[in-house]
Amino acid sequence: MAYDEGHAQILRDLLAHTDGITEKKMFGGLCFLQNGNMLCGAHSDGGMFRVGKENEEAALTLNGVAPLSFTGRKMGGLVDISESTLEDEDALLSLLRLADTFVGKMPSK
């Protein structure tokens, strides 16, 4: 699955003031890593956030957010976001807070 450069740019802009962010092509998309740990990413139909299992329920209450299942099997702690959610700044900020709460606790790689 290829990623949409426009989706990637939305996430770049969102993460512009976040320390320790790097980009890496993964899973057929473009992932953004914080201190070496996957935080979020862009794909052709939208994006994804790594919120952790403890934050997954809160993330799923947001419009356009669903469990991530690229292979048909749910990937716990990861959520998929629609293109419309990528355009919703409030939803993106909420997802970033949830993801940062989880990923921010991880040791740097």
Protein backbone atom coordinates (compact mmCIF):
# COMPACT_ATOMS: atom_id res chain seq x y z
CA MET A 1 0.00 0.00 0.00
CA ALA A 2 1.50 3.31 -1.08
CA TYR A 3 1.05 6.44 0.97
CA ASP A 4 -0.44 9.74 -0.06
CA GLU A 5 2.11 12.58 0.08
CA GLY A 6 -0.66 15.02 1.07
CA HIS A 7 -1.51 12.85 4.08
CA ALA A 8 2.17 12.68 5.00
CA GLN A 9 2.46 16.47 4.83
CA ILE A 10 -0.50 16.93 7.18
CA LEU A 11 1.29 14.73 9.73
CA ARG A 12 4.62 16.52 9.15
CA ASP A 13 2.92 19.82 9.90
CA LEU A 14 1.26 18.35 13.00
CA LEU A 15 4.62 17.05 14.28
CA ALA A 16 6.71 20.09 13.32
CA HIS A 17 7.23 21.14 16.94
CA THR A 18 7.65 17.64 18.39
CA ASP A 19 11.20 16.68 19.35
CA GLY A 20 12.85 13.49 18.16
CA ILE A 21 10.73 12.91 15.02
CA THR A 22 12.14 10.98 12.06
CA GLU A 23 10.47 9.46 9.00
CA LYS A 24 10.75 5.89 7.78
CA LYS A 25 8.99 3.98 5.03
CA MET A 26 7.29 1.02 6.71
CA PHE A 27 4.29 -1.23 6.06
CA GLY A 28 3.97 0.24 2.56
CA GLY A 29 3.37 3.68 4.02
CA LEU A 30 5.36 6.42 5.71
CA CYS A 31 5.78 6.22 9.47
CA PHE A 32 6.83 8.96 11.85
CA LEU A 33 9.00 7.80 14.72
CA GLN A 34 9.58 9.58 18.00
CA ASN A 35 13.01 8.76 19.40
CA GLY A 36 13.03 5.66 17.18
CA ASN A 37 9.57 4.38 18.20
CA MET A 38 6.65 4.41 15.77
CA LEU A 39 4.19 7.20 16.65
CA CYS A 40 1.95 7.59 13.60
CA GLY A 41 1.91 7.22 9.85
CA ALA A 42 0.33 8.00 6.51
CA HIS A 43 -1.10 5.58 3.97
CA SER A 44 -3.12 5.90 0.79
CA ASP A 45 -6.53 6.03 2.50
CA GLY A 46 -5.66 8.12 5.56
CA GLY A 47 -3.31 7.46 8.42
CA MET A 48 -2.69 5.61 11.64
CA PHE A 49 -1.65 6.33 15.23
CA ARG A 50 0.03 4.10 17.79
CA VAL A 51 -2.01 4.96 20.89
CA GLY A 52 -1.37 1.82 22.94
CA LYS A 53 -3.97 -0.62 24.20
CA GLU A 54 -4.75 1.52 27.25
CA ASN A 55 -5.68 4.51 25.03
CA GLU A 56 -7.36 2.59 22.22
CA GLU A 57 -10.90 2.87 23.58
CA ALA A 58 -10.59 6.66 23.92
CA ALA A 59 -9.21 6.95 20.38
CA LEU A 60 -12.06 4.88 18.94
CA THR A 61 -14.62 7.39 20.24
CA LEU A 62 -13.36 9.96 17.71
CA ASN A 63 -15.09 10.24 14.32
CA GLY A 64 -13.30 8.42 11.52
CA VAL A 65 -11.15 6.28 13.83
CA ALA A 66 -11.26 2.47 13.62
CA PRO A 67 -9.12 -0.45 14.77
CA LEU A 68 -6.13 -0.93 12.48
CA SER A 69 -6.17 -4.19 10.54
CA PHE A 70 -4.02 -4.03 7.41
CA THR A 71 -3.87 -7.82 7.19
CA GLY A 72 -7.47 -8.46 8.24
CA ARG A 73 -6.33 -9.07 11.80
CA LYS A 74 -6.75 -6.31 14.39
CA MET A 75 -3.46 -4.81 15.56
CA GLY A 76 -3.96 -3.92 19.23
CA GLY A 77 -2.98 -0.42 20.28
CA LEU A 78 -2.98 0.90 16.70
CA VAL A 79 -5.84 2.85 15.15
CA ASP A 80 -6.64 3.71 11.57
CA ILE A 81 -7.86 7.19 10.67
CA SER A 82 -9.86 8.26 7.65
CA GLU A 83 -8.97 11.02 5.23
CA SER A 84 -11.63 13.24 6.81
CA THR A 85 -10.07 12.74 10.24
CA LEU A 86 -6.74 13.89 8.81
CA GLU A 87 -8.47 17.19 8.04
CA ASP A 88 -9.88 17.54 11.58
CA GLU A 89 -7.26 19.40 13.62
CA ASP A 90 -8.99 18.74 16.97
CA ALA A 91 -9.14 14.99 16.30
CA LEU A 92 -5.49 14.94 15.19
CA LEU A 93 -4.38 16.78 18.33
CA SER A 94 -6.37 14.34 20.49
CA LEU A 95 -4.81 11.36 18.72
CA LEU A 96 -1.34 12.86 19.00
CA ARG A 97 -1.81 13.35 22.76
CA LEU A 98 -2.91 9.72 23.15
CA ALA A 99 -0.03 8.44 21.03
CA ASP A 100 2.51 10.63 22.79
CA THR A 101 1.27 9.39 26.17
CA PHE A 102 2.04 5.84 25.07
CA VAL A 103 5.13 6.24 22.89
CA GLY A 104 6.66 8.95 25.09
CA LYS A 105 7.14 6.40 27.91
CA MET A 106 9.22 4.10 25.68
CA PRO A 107 13.01 4.09 25.84
CA SER A 108 14.74 5.66 22.85
CA LYS A 109 16.05 3.30 20.19
